[in-house]
N, C-alpha and C. Protein backbone atom coordinates (compact mmCIF):
# COMPACT_ATOMS: atom_id res chain seq x y z
N UNK A 1 -22.21 56.70 -35.67
CA UNK A 1 -23.74 57.27 -35.61
C UNK A 1 -23.28 58.36 -34.65
N UNK A 2 -24.09 59.58 -34.63
CA UNK A 2 -23.98 60.63 -33.83
C UNK A 2 -25.28 60.58 -33.10
N UNK A 3 -25.65 61.07 -31.89
CA UNK A 3 -26.79 61.03 -31.54
C UNK A 3 -27.23 62.13 -30.71
N UNK A 4 -28.30 62.70 -30.75
CA UNK A 4 -28.40 64.07 -29.85
C UNK A 4 -29.94 63.76 -29.35
N UNK A 5 -30.25 63.24 -28.32
CA UNK A 5 -31.79 62.86 -27.87
C UNK A 5 -32.40 62.15 -28.76
N UNK A 6 -33.43 63.13 -29.67
CA UNK A 6 -34.31 62.36 -30.36
C UNK A 6 -34.12 62.26 -31.77
N UNK A 7 -32.98 62.53 -32.26
CA UNK A 7 -32.15 62.40 -33.52
C UNK A 7 -30.93 61.66 -33.73
N UNK A 8 -30.46 61.12 -34.71
CA UNK A 8 -29.41 60.44 -34.88
C UNK A 8 -28.88 60.64 -36.27
N UNK A 9 -27.63 60.92 -36.36
CA UNK A 9 -27.15 61.09 -37.71
C UNK A 9 -26.09 59.94 -38.45
N UNK A 10 -26.35 59.71 -39.38
CA UNK A 10 -25.57 58.79 -40.02
C UNK A 10 -25.18 59.35 -41.25
N UNK A 11 -24.06 58.44 -41.85
CA UNK A 11 -23.29 59.19 -43.10
C UNK A 11 -24.16 59.21 -44.19
N UNK A 12 -25.55 58.51 -44.10
CA UNK A 12 -26.55 59.08 -45.40
C UNK A 12 -27.72 59.52 -45.00
N UNK A 13 -28.06 59.85 -43.62
CA UNK A 13 -29.26 60.38 -43.28
C UNK A 13 -29.32 61.01 -41.77
N UNK A 14 -30.17 61.78 -41.85
CA UNK A 14 -30.42 62.38 -40.24
C UNK A 14 -32.17 61.53 -39.80
N UNK A 15 -31.81 61.08 -38.77
CA UNK A 15 -33.19 60.23 -38.50
C UNK A 15 -33.54 60.97 -37.24
N UNK A 16 -34.94 61.20 -37.23
CA UNK A 16 -35.32 61.97 -35.91
C UNK A 16 -36.95 61.62 -35.53
N UNK A 17 -37.10 61.11 -34.45
CA UNK A 17 -38.25 60.62 -33.80
C UNK A 17 -39.33 62.17 -33.50
N UNK A 18 -40.33 62.32 -34.69
CA UNK A 18 -41.42 63.14 -34.62
C UNK A 18 -42.37 63.13 -33.61
N UNK A 19 -42.61 61.77 -33.24
CA UNK A 19 -43.63 61.72 -31.98
C UNK A 19 -43.23 60.21 -31.81
N UNK A 20 -43.57 59.45 -30.71
CA UNK A 20 -43.55 58.01 -30.21
C UNK A 20 -43.68 57.07 -31.11
N UNK A 21 -44.36 57.31 -32.16
CA UNK A 21 -44.55 56.25 -33.15
C UNK A 21 -44.41 56.85 -34.65
N UNK A 22 -43.73 57.71 -35.00
CA UNK A 22 -43.41 58.42 -36.10
C UNK A 22 -41.85 58.72 -36.36
N UNK A 23 -41.22 58.51 -37.35
CA UNK A 23 -39.86 58.82 -37.38
C UNK A 23 -39.64 59.27 -38.81
N UNK A 24 -38.92 60.31 -38.63
CA UNK A 24 -38.47 61.11 -40.21
C UNK A 24 -36.92 61.02 -40.48
N UNK A 25 -36.78 60.48 -41.76
CA UNK A 25 -35.79 60.07 -42.03
C UNK A 25 -35.24 61.10 -43.15
N UNK A 26 -34.35 61.85 -42.94
CA UNK A 26 -34.12 63.08 -44.45
C UNK A 26 -32.21 62.27 -44.93
N UNK A 27 -32.68 61.95 -46.18
CA UNK A 27 -31.64 61.43 -46.78
C UNK A 27 -30.83 62.60 -46.93
N UNK A 28 -29.33 62.07 -47.19
CA UNK A 28 -28.32 63.45 -47.43
C UNK A 28 -28.14 63.44 -49.05
N UNK A 29 -27.84 64.64 -49.48
CA UNK A 29 -27.95 64.68 -51.17
C UNK A 29 -26.59 63.62 -51.63
N UNK A 30 -25.65 63.55 -50.59
CA UNK A 30 -24.53 63.19 -51.19
C UNK A 30 -24.77 61.10 -50.95
N UNK A 31 -25.83 60.68 -50.39
CA UNK A 31 -25.98 59.55 -49.79
C UNK A 31 -25.74 58.76 -51.14
N UNK A 32 -25.03 57.51 -50.84
CA UNK A 32 -25.07 56.34 -51.84
C UNK A 32 -25.89 55.19 -50.94
N UNK A 33 -26.75 54.57 -51.45
CA UNK A 33 -27.77 53.45 -50.85
C UNK A 33 -27.09 52.29 -51.49
N UNK A 34 -26.47 51.66 -50.25
CA UNK A 34 -25.94 50.30 -50.01
C UNK A 34 -26.46 49.60 -49.02
N UNK A 35 -26.37 48.23 -48.93
CA UNK A 35 -26.95 47.53 -47.75
C UNK A 35 -26.50 47.97 -46.74
N UNK A 36 -25.21 48.11 -46.55
CA UNK A 36 -24.87 48.64 -45.31
C UNK A 36 -25.31 49.96 -44.62
N UNK A 37 -25.28 50.97 -45.60
CA UNK A 37 -26.31 51.89 -45.54
C UNK A 37 -27.41 51.80 -44.79
N UNK A 38 -27.99 51.06 -45.45
CA UNK A 38 -29.75 50.74 -45.22
C UNK A 38 -29.77 49.97 -43.69
N UNK A 39 -28.77 49.49 -43.35
CA UNK A 39 -28.75 48.72 -42.39
C UNK A 39 -28.51 49.65 -41.16
N UNK A 40 -27.29 50.39 -41.36
CA UNK A 40 -27.19 51.68 -40.77
C UNK A 40 -28.30 52.50 -40.04
N UNK A 41 -28.93 53.13 -40.99
CA UNK A 41 -30.21 53.58 -40.65
C UNK A 41 -31.43 52.86 -40.05
N UNK A 42 -31.81 51.39 -40.56
CA UNK A 42 -32.73 50.74 -39.82
C UNK A 42 -32.12 50.82 -38.28
N UNK A 43 -30.84 50.33 -37.88
CA UNK A 43 -30.40 50.28 -36.38
C UNK A 43 -30.58 51.66 -35.87
N UNK A 44 -30.37 52.63 -36.60
CA UNK A 44 -30.70 54.23 -36.02
C UNK A 44 -32.21 54.18 -35.63
N UNK A 45 -33.06 53.85 -36.31
CA UNK A 45 -34.61 53.91 -36.20
C UNK A 45 -34.84 52.95 -35.07
N UNK A 46 -34.45 51.96 -34.90
CA UNK A 46 -34.55 51.06 -33.83
C UNK A 46 -34.07 51.36 -32.57
N UNK A 47 -33.09 52.31 -32.56
CA UNK A 47 -32.68 52.87 -31.06
C UNK A 47 -33.51 53.84 -30.73
N UNK A 48 -34.16 54.60 -31.85
CA UNK A 48 -34.87 55.87 -31.60
C UNK A 48 -36.35 55.10 -31.13
N UNK A 49 -36.80 54.25 -31.67
CA UNK A 49 -37.78 53.72 -31.18
C UNK A 49 -38.14 52.47 -30.18
N UNK A 50 -36.73 52.26 -29.73
CA UNK A 50 -36.88 51.30 -28.65
C UNK A 50 -37.34 49.78 -29.05
N UNK A 51 -37.40 49.55 -30.73
CA UNK A 51 -37.94 48.47 -31.33
C UNK A 51 -39.63 48.66 -31.52
N UNK A 52 -40.05 49.70 -30.95
CA UNK A 52 -41.68 49.48 -30.90
C UNK A 52 -42.08 49.77 -32.56
N UNK A 53 -43.14 49.42 -32.65
CA UNK A 53 -43.70 49.63 -34.17
C UNK A 53 -43.75 51.57 -34.52
N UNK A 54 -43.62 51.63 -35.74
CA UNK A 54 -43.56 53.01 -35.87
C UNK A 54 -43.98 53.29 -37.46
N UNK A 55 -44.31 54.38 -37.60
CA UNK A 55 -44.52 55.12 -39.29
C UNK A 55 -43.18 55.86 -39.47
N UNK A 56 -43.07 55.49 -40.93
CA UNK A 56 -41.72 55.87 -41.41
C UNK A 56 -41.95 56.95 -42.68
N UNK A 57 -41.15 58.04 -42.41
CA UNK A 57 -41.28 59.09 -43.46
C UNK A 57 -39.77 59.15 -43.92
N UNK A 58 -39.82 58.87 -45.02
CA UNK A 58 -38.43 59.13 -45.80
C UNK A 58 -38.57 60.19 -46.64
N UNK A 59 -37.37 61.04 -46.34
CA UNK A 59 -37.45 62.34 -47.48
C UNK A 59 -36.25 62.20 -48.43
N UNK A 60 -36.53 62.28 -49.57
CA UNK A 60 -35.34 62.42 -50.36
C UNK A 60 -35.20 63.96 -50.95
N UNK A 61 -33.76 64.43 -51.22
CA UNK A 61 -33.88 65.59 -51.44
C UNK A 61 -33.53 65.45 -53.06
N UNK A 62 -34.29 66.56 -53.99
CA UNK A 62 -34.05 66.56 -55.25
C UNK A 62 -32.99 66.38 -55.70
N UNK A 63 -32.04 66.84 -55.20
CA UNK A 63 -30.82 66.69 -56.14
C UNK A 63 -29.90 65.20 -55.78
N UNK A 64 -30.65 64.31 -55.40
CA UNK A 64 -30.15 62.82 -55.04
C UNK A 64 -30.31 62.35 -56.36
N UNK A 65 -29.21 61.55 -57.19
CA UNK A 65 -29.88 61.13 -58.17
C UNK A 65 -30.24 59.51 -57.83
N UNK A 66 -30.91 59.00 -58.68
CA UNK A 66 -31.51 57.41 -58.81
C UNK A 66 -30.37 56.63 -58.87
N UNK A 67 -29.97 55.52 -58.03
CA UNK A 67 -29.11 54.80 -57.75
C UNK A 67 -29.56 53.20 -58.29
N UNK A 68 -29.77 53.10 -59.49
CA UNK A 68 -30.27 51.69 -60.01
C UNK A 68 -29.91 50.48 -59.34
N UNK A 69 -28.73 50.28 -59.04
CA UNK A 69 -28.22 48.89 -58.11
C UNK A 69 -28.95 49.01 -56.71
N UNK A 70 -29.42 49.72 -56.50
CA UNK A 70 -30.20 49.74 -55.02
C UNK A 70 -31.44 49.34 -55.07
N UNK A 71 -32.02 49.29 -56.26
CA UNK A 71 -33.40 48.70 -56.53
C UNK A 71 -33.57 47.14 -56.48
N UNK A 72 -32.21 46.50 -56.65
CA UNK A 72 -32.11 45.13 -56.76
C UNK A 72 -32.48 44.50 -55.31
N UNK A 73 -32.17 45.22 -54.17
CA UNK A 73 -32.30 44.44 -53.03
C UNK A 73 -33.44 44.88 -51.95
N UNK A 74 -34.32 43.96 -51.60
CA UNK A 74 -35.32 44.49 -50.60
C UNK A 74 -34.80 44.97 -48.96
N UNK A 75 -34.63 46.18 -49.13
CA UNK A 75 -33.91 46.69 -47.85
C UNK A 75 -34.54 46.79 -46.85
N UNK A 76 -35.82 46.59 -46.87
CA UNK A 76 -36.91 46.83 -45.82
C UNK A 76 -37.27 45.31 -45.14
N UNK A 77 -36.75 44.02 -45.88
CA UNK A 77 -37.38 42.82 -45.23
C UNK A 77 -37.12 42.56 -43.95
N UNK A 78 -36.28 43.11 -43.34
CA UNK A 78 -35.94 42.85 -41.68
C UNK A 78 -37.20 43.58 -41.00
N UNK A 79 -37.55 44.90 -41.53
CA UNK A 79 -38.54 45.89 -40.75
C UNK A 79 -40.11 44.82 -41.07
N UNK A 80 -40.03 44.30 -42.23
CA UNK A 80 -41.47 43.58 -43.07
C UNK A 80 -41.47 42.57 -41.91
N UNK A 81 -40.70 41.42 -42.22
CA UNK A 81 -40.73 40.26 -41.08
C UNK A 81 -40.92 40.70 -39.59
N UNK A 82 -40.29 41.79 -39.07
CA UNK A 82 -40.11 42.07 -37.50
C UNK A 82 -41.66 42.82 -37.20
N UNK A 83 -42.35 43.55 -38.32
CA UNK A 83 -43.27 44.27 -38.23
C UNK A 83 -43.09 45.32 -37.43
N UNK A 84 -41.96 45.93 -37.64
CA UNK A 84 -41.52 47.10 -36.70
C UNK A 84 -41.83 48.59 -37.58
N UNK A 85 -42.19 48.56 -38.97
CA UNK A 85 -42.75 49.69 -39.58
C UNK A 85 -44.10 49.51 -39.90
N UNK A 86 -45.13 50.42 -39.41
CA UNK A 86 -46.42 50.20 -39.36
C UNK A 86 -46.97 50.79 -41.05
N UNK A 87 -46.29 51.78 -41.32
CA UNK A 87 -46.57 52.37 -42.90
C UNK A 87 -45.33 53.33 -43.23
N UNK A 88 -44.85 53.41 -44.23
CA UNK A 88 -44.05 53.82 -45.14
C UNK A 88 -44.28 55.03 -45.98
N UNK A 89 -44.10 56.41 -45.72
CA UNK A 89 -44.18 56.85 -46.87
C UNK A 89 -42.76 57.80 -47.40
N UNK A 90 -42.53 57.52 -48.62
CA UNK A 90 -41.60 58.00 -49.16
C UNK A 90 -41.40 59.52 -49.89
N UNK A 91 -40.92 60.71 -49.52
CA UNK A 91 -41.08 61.89 -50.51
C UNK A 91 -40.10 61.65 -51.56
N UNK A 92 -40.44 61.54 -52.88
CA UNK A 92 -39.73 61.42 -53.99
C UNK A 92 -39.70 62.82 -54.74
N UNK A 93 -39.20 63.89 -54.78
CA UNK A 93 -39.95 65.01 -55.38
C UNK A 93 -39.55 65.01 -56.60
N UNK A 94 -38.53 64.27 -57.48
CA UNK A 94 -38.55 64.54 -59.07
C UNK A 94 -39.36 63.12 -59.58
N UNK A 95 -39.58 63.46 -60.83
CA UNK A 95 -40.24 62.38 -61.64
C UNK A 95 -39.29 61.07 -61.38
N UNK A 96 -37.96 61.35 -61.84
CA UNK A 96 -37.27 60.23 -61.85
C UNK A 96 -37.32 59.21 -60.55
N UNK A 97 -37.20 60.23 -59.40
CA UNK A 97 -37.02 59.64 -57.90
C UNK A 97 -38.54 58.73 -57.69
N UNK A 98 -39.53 59.57 -57.98
CA UNK A 98 -41.03 58.86 -57.83
C UNK A 98 -41.24 57.95 -58.57
N UNK A 99 -40.72 57.70 -59.95
CA UNK A 99 -40.91 56.61 -60.54
C UNK A 99 -40.36 55.66 -60.13
N UNK A 100 -38.81 55.55 -59.52
CA UNK A 100 -38.18 54.79 -59.14
C UNK A 100 -38.65 54.07 -57.78
N UNK A 101 -38.91 54.94 -57.18
CA UNK A 101 -39.73 54.52 -55.71
C UNK A 101 -40.83 53.64 -56.01
N UNK A 102 -41.76 53.88 -56.76
CA UNK A 102 -43.08 53.38 -56.75
C UNK A 102 -42.61 52.25 -57.74
N UNK A 103 -41.82 52.07 -58.60
CA UNK A 103 -41.42 50.58 -59.17
C UNK A 103 -40.74 49.54 -57.94
N UNK A 104 -39.94 50.63 -56.82
CA UNK A 104 -39.28 49.52 -56.17
C UNK A 104 -40.43 48.89 -55.30
N UNK A 105 -41.46 49.77 -54.81
CA UNK A 105 -42.12 49.23 -53.78
C UNK A 105 -43.19 48.17 -54.55
N UNK A 106 -43.59 48.03 -55.96
CA UNK A 106 -44.24 47.28 -56.51
C UNK A 106 -43.38 45.69 -56.55
N UNK A 107 -42.08 45.60 -56.88
CA UNK A 107 -41.27 44.80 -57.14
C UNK A 107 -41.02 43.94 -55.73
N UNK A 108 -41.05 45.10 -54.63
CA UNK A 108 -40.55 44.24 -53.26
C UNK A 108 -41.74 44.95 -52.26
N UNK A 109 -42.66 43.65 -52.38
CA UNK A 109 -43.89 43.98 -51.68
C UNK A 109 -43.55 43.65 -49.99
N UNK A 110 -44.13 44.52 -49.22
CA UNK A 110 -43.79 44.73 -47.63
C UNK A 110 -45.20 44.14 -46.89
N UNK A 111 -44.86 43.84 -45.71
CA UNK A 111 -46.22 43.76 -44.95
C UNK A 111 -46.84 44.90 -44.56
N UNK A 112 -46.25 45.92 -44.82
CA UNK A 112 -46.61 47.26 -44.17
C UNK A 112 -47.15 47.85 -45.54
N UNK A 113 -47.97 48.94 -45.56
CA UNK A 113 -48.35 49.69 -46.70
C UNK A 113 -47.03 50.77 -46.94
N UNK A 114 -46.81 50.91 -48.27
CA UNK A 114 -45.74 51.98 -48.69
C UNK A 114 -46.44 52.87 -49.52
N UNK A 115 -46.36 53.86 -49.56
CA UNK A 115 -46.78 54.99 -50.48
C UNK A 115 -45.47 55.93 -50.93
N UNK A 116 -45.56 56.57 -52.17
CA UNK A 116 -44.84 57.56 -52.48
C UNK A 116 -45.51 58.80 -52.92
N UNK A 117 -44.99 59.90 -52.46
CA UNK A 117 -45.21 61.31 -52.86
C UNK A 117 -44.04 62.17 -53.19
N UNK A 118 -44.86 63.42 -53.81
CA UNK A 118 -44.07 64.18 -54.21
C UNK A 118 -43.87 65.62 -53.27
N UNK A 119 -44.65 65.64 -52.15
CA UNK A 119 -44.52 66.43 -51.34
C UNK A 119 -44.54 65.91 -49.84
N UNK A 120 -43.81 66.44 -49.18
CA UNK A 120 -43.57 65.98 -47.49
C UNK A 120 -44.94 66.48 -46.63
N UNK A 121 -45.64 67.45 -46.86
CA UNK A 121 -46.64 67.44 -46.23
C UNK A 121 -47.88 66.68 -46.43
N UNK A 122 -48.09 66.12 -47.72
CA UNK A 122 -48.94 64.99 -48.28
C UNK A 122 -48.42 63.80 -47.59
N UNK A 123 -47.60 63.54 -47.48
CA UNK A 123 -46.71 62.09 -47.08
C UNK A 123 -47.04 62.19 -45.48
N UNK A 124 -46.47 63.50 -44.70
CA UNK A 124 -46.97 63.29 -43.12
C UNK A 124 -48.22 63.39 -42.87
N UNK A 125 -49.29 64.02 -43.49
CA UNK A 125 -50.62 63.91 -43.47
C UNK A 125 -51.12 62.24 -43.66
N UNK A 126 -50.91 61.65 -44.54
CA UNK A 126 -51.14 60.35 -44.76
C UNK A 126 -50.73 59.57 -43.64
N UNK A 127 -49.51 59.68 -43.16
CA UNK A 127 -48.98 58.80 -42.10
C UNK A 127 -49.77 59.06 -40.76
N UNK A 128 -49.89 60.22 -40.54
CA UNK A 128 -50.58 60.56 -39.08
C UNK A 128 -52.26 60.32 -39.58
N UNK A 129 -52.66 59.91 -40.73
CA UNK A 129 -54.26 59.30 -40.76
C UNK A 129 -54.00 57.85 -40.28
N UNK A 130 -52.89 57.42 -41.01
CA UNK A 130 -52.91 55.83 -40.64
C UNK A 130 -52.88 55.53 -39.10
N UNK A 131 -51.73 56.41 -38.45
CA UNK A 131 -51.61 56.29 -37.10
C UNK A 131 -52.91 56.22 -36.44
N UNK A 132 -53.52 57.51 -36.97
CA UNK A 132 -54.75 57.84 -36.17
C UNK A 132 -55.80 56.51 -36.06
N UNK A 133 -55.70 55.65 -37.08
CA UNK A 133 -56.50 54.36 -37.20
C UNK A 133 -55.83 53.16 -36.16
N UNK A 134 -54.49 53.61 -35.71
CA UNK A 134 -53.79 52.26 -35.12
C UNK A 134 -54.12 51.85 -33.63
């Protein structure tokens, strides 16, 4: 992991602390979703937030293909159990990504609210609204 102040780069994402309780995770176009990659990104988020509860914005690039095997595992179970995520917004700009992400969160229910958006601005606005009520 590479770190620079409020930003950590992993092999699959750039993770940045946008505010004390808001993390933005931009997935790389060549990312492959594996359990190891998800755990590495989770640890990076915890490092940036020092383990405190936060909202998470995950941004998928349009050129990233859907990786069906990643749908089989609940990659957020540790965050859900520890209550480290307050709310999660996923920006999935393509129809395939959007459909897959919505299916994933229907199948893997979390202790936090998770929503899928096509545009980053909408996702960020929703997270900020959620955080305003926290």
